C-alpha atoms as a PDB file:
ATOM      1  CA  MET A   1      43.400 -14.005   0.681  1.00  0.00           C
ATOM      2  CA  PHE A   2      45.037 -17.437   0.276  1.00  0.00           C
ATOM      3  CA  ASP A   3      48.565 -16.306   1.301  1.00  0.00           C
ATOM      4  CA  SER A   4      47.835 -14.310   4.383  1.00  0.00           C
ATOM      5  CA  ASN A   5      49.778 -11.461   2.988  1.00  0.00           C
ATOM      6  CA  GLU A   6      48.036  -8.139   3.635  1.00  0.00           C
ATOM      7  CA  GLU A   7      49.574  -6.534   0.568  1.00  0.00           C
ATOM      8  CA  THR A   8      47.973  -9.169  -1.917  1.00  0.00           C
ATOM      9  CA  CYS A   9      44.994  -7.915  -3.898  1.00  0.00           C
ATOM     10  CA  TRP A  10      42.750 -10.505  -5.610  1.00  0.00           C
ATOM     11  CA  ASN A  11      39.878 -10.358  -8.174  1.00  0.00           C
ATOM     12  CA  SER A  12      37.987 -13.003  -9.794  1.00  0.00           C
ATOM     13  CA  ASP A  13      34.911 -13.179 -12.116  1.00  0.00           C
ATOM     14  CA  GLN A  14      33.726 -16.513 -10.632  1.00  0.00           C
ATOM     15  CA  PRO A  15      30.644 -16.491  -8.674  1.00  0.00           C
ATOM     16  CA  VAL A  16      30.955 -17.196  -4.936  1.00  0.00           C
ATOM     17  CA  ARG A  17      28.611 -17.996  -2.021  1.00  0.00           C
ATOM     18  CA  VAL A  18      29.754 -16.001   0.872  1.00  0.00           C
ATOM     19  CA  SER A  19      29.312 -17.659   4.286  1.00  0.00           C
ATOM     20  CA  GLU A  20      31.112 -15.300   6.669  1.00  0.00           C
ATOM     21  CA  LEU A  21      32.376 -11.813   6.939  1.00  0.00           C
ATOM     22  CA  LYS A  22      35.120 -11.234   9.523  1.00  0.00           C
ATOM     23  CA  VAL A  23      35.848  -7.566  10.268  1.00  0.00           C
ATOM     24  CA  GLN A  24      38.067  -5.835  12.866  1.00  0.00           C
ATOM     25  CA  PHE A  25      37.806  -2.002  13.516  1.00  0.00           C
ATOM     26  CA  GLN A  26      39.791   0.300  15.642  1.00  0.00           C
ATOM     27  CA  GLY A  27      37.823   0.905  18.811  1.00  0.00           C
ATOM     28  CA  GLY A  28      35.919   4.240  18.585  1.00  0.00           C
ATOM     29  CA  PHE A  29      36.043   4.189  14.801  1.00  0.00           C
ATOM     30  CA  SER A  30      33.785   1.344  13.838  1.00  0.00           C
ATOM     31  CA  GLY A  31      30.767   1.219  11.585  1.00  0.00           C
ATOM     32  CA  LYS A  32      27.508   1.232  13.615  1.00  0.00           C
ATOM     33  CA  THR A  33      25.122   0.184  10.887  1.00  0.00           C
ATOM     34  CA  CYS A  34      26.510  -1.726   8.005  1.00  0.00           C
ATOM     35  CA  ARG A  35      24.896  -3.143   4.912  1.00  0.00           C
ATOM     36  CA  LEU A  36      26.177  -5.993   2.766  1.00  0.00           C
ATOM     37  CA  GLU A  37      25.070  -5.850  -0.903  1.00  0.00           C
ATOM     38  CA  GLY A  38      25.679  -8.257  -3.669  1.00  0.00           C
ATOM     39  CA  SER A  39      24.743  -8.918  -7.363  1.00  0.00           C
ATOM     40  CA  PRO A  40      24.525 -11.524  -9.968  1.00  0.00           C
ATOM     41  CA  LYS A  41      26.846 -11.281 -12.980  1.00  0.00           C
ATOM     42  CA  ASP A  42      24.833  -8.624 -14.853  1.00  0.00           C
ATOM     43  CA  GLY A  43      22.574  -7.468 -12.134  1.00  0.00           C
ATOM     44  CA  ASP A  44      22.200  -4.463  -9.956  1.00  0.00           C
ATOM     45  CA  LEU A  45      23.550  -4.472  -6.325  1.00  0.00           C
ATOM     46  CA  ALA A  46      20.781  -5.413  -3.793  1.00  0.00           C
ATOM     47  CA  LYS A  47      20.858  -5.614  -0.027  1.00  0.00           C
ATOM     48  CA  ILE A  48      21.744  -9.006   1.353  1.00  0.00           C
ATOM     49  CA  THR A  49      21.723  -8.108   5.017  1.00  0.00           C
ATOM     50  CA  HIS A  50      22.358  -5.501   7.575  1.00  0.00           C
ATOM     51  CA  PHE A  51      24.954  -6.174  10.330  1.00  0.00           C
ATOM     52  CA  TYR A  52      25.663  -4.083  13.459  1.00  0.00           C
ATOM     53  CA  PRO A  53      29.296  -4.359  14.645  1.00  0.00           C
ATOM     54  CA  GLU A  54      30.280  -3.622  18.237  1.00  0.00           C
ATOM     55  CA  ASP A  55      32.392  -0.562  18.830  1.00  0.00           C
ATOM     56  CA  ASN A  56      35.647  -2.229  20.062  1.00  0.00           C
ATOM     57  CA  SER A  57      38.838  -3.774  18.557  1.00  0.00           C
ATOM     58  CA  SER A  58      37.829  -7.356  18.493  1.00  0.00           C
ATOM     59  CA  LEU A  59      37.414  -9.619  15.518  1.00  0.00           C
ATOM     60  CA  GLN A  60      33.778  -9.776  14.693  1.00  0.00           C
ATOM     61  CA  ILE A  61      31.922 -12.343  12.614  1.00  0.00           C
ATOM     62  CA  SER A  62      28.667 -11.463  10.847  1.00  0.00           C
ATOM     63  CA  PHE A  63      25.810 -13.080   8.955  1.00  0.00           C
ATOM     64  CA  ASN A  64      25.127 -16.560   7.847  1.00  0.00           C
ATOM     65  CA  GLU A  65      24.848 -17.886   4.271  1.00  0.00           C
ATOM     66  CA  ALA A  66      24.389 -15.323   1.464  1.00  0.00           C
ATOM     67  CA  PRO A  67      23.145 -15.941  -2.088  1.00  0.00           C
ATOM     68  CA  MET A  68      25.549 -16.578  -4.921  1.00  0.00           C
ATOM     69  CA  VAL A  69      27.115 -13.289  -6.040  1.00  0.00           C
ATOM     70  CA  HIS A  70      29.561 -11.920  -8.554  1.00  0.00           C
ATOM     71  CA  ARG A  71      29.993  -8.583  -6.832  1.00  0.00           C
ATOM     72  CA  LEU A  72      29.997  -7.691  -3.141  1.00  0.00           C
ATOM     73  CA  LYS A  73      29.846  -4.382  -1.453  1.00  0.00           C
ATOM     74  CA  ILE A  74      29.964  -3.331   2.108  1.00  0.00           C
ATOM     75  CA  VAL A  75      28.296   0.048   2.963  1.00  0.00           C
ATOM     76  CA  PHE A  76      28.979   1.719   6.161  1.00  0.00           C
ATOM     77  CA  GLU A  77      25.704   3.690   6.775  1.00  0.00           C
ATOM     78  CA  ASN A  78      26.949   5.389   9.940  1.00  0.00           C
ATOM     79  CA  SER A  79      30.035   5.375  12.303  1.00  0.00           C
ATOM     80  CA  ALA A  80      30.674   5.300  16.032  1.00  0.00           C
ATOM     81  CA  ASP A  81      32.959   8.449  15.388  1.00  0.00           C
ATOM     82  CA  PHE A  82      31.607  11.902  15.699  1.00  0.00           C
ATOM     83  CA  PHE A  83      33.215  12.918  12.376  1.00  0.00           C
ATOM     84  CA  GLY A  84      32.088   9.727  10.618  1.00  0.00           C
ATOM     85  CA  ARG A  85      35.647   8.107  10.304  1.00  0.00           C
ATOM     86  CA  ILE A  86      35.920   4.338  10.099  1.00  0.00           C
ATOM     87  CA  ILE A  87      39.123   2.348  10.494  1.00  0.00           C
ATOM     88  CA  VAL A  88      39.093  -1.212   9.441  1.00  0.00           C
ATOM     89  CA  TYR A  89      42.224  -3.188  10.594  1.00  0.00           C
ATOM     90  CA  SER A  90      41.182  -6.550   9.065  1.00  0.00           C
ATOM     91  CA  LEU A  91      38.542  -7.687   6.665  1.00  0.00           C
ATOM     92  CA  ASP A  92      38.129 -11.329   5.559  1.00  0.00           C
ATOM     93  CA  VAL A  93      35.397 -12.544   3.194  1.00  0.00           C
ATOM     94  CA  LEU A  94      35.008 -16.257   3.479  1.00  0.00           C
ATOM     95  CA  GLY A  95      32.914 -18.603   1.261  1.00  0.00           C
ATOM     96  CA  GLU A  96      33.053 -21.105  -1.452  1.00  0.00           C
ATOM     97  CA  ARG A  97      33.022 -21.024  -5.227  1.00  0.00           C
ATOM     98  CA  ALA A  98      29.387 -21.419  -6.576  1.00  0.00           C
ATOM     99  CA  LEU A  99      29.050 -23.882  -9.459  1.00  0.00           C
END
């Protein structure tokens, strides 16, 4: 978010081109296999890429340039935790407005 306030929620119907995904998990409670999905304005969600976070508490940066999307979804396919729990401390989606 632009104001660095963790309580701020933001939505926009403008298309964006995502360039980075920064995620920080609680060690022991990370996603092992994750899938990033996106879609154009009226389209169905489709896989953009898989990413494989490390099971630690460090800030991790994933994937390169993604196509222009109106919607974005992160799917945690499995977890490092025996019970499937995932704890996300920080999530930043960085990119630019697509014209």
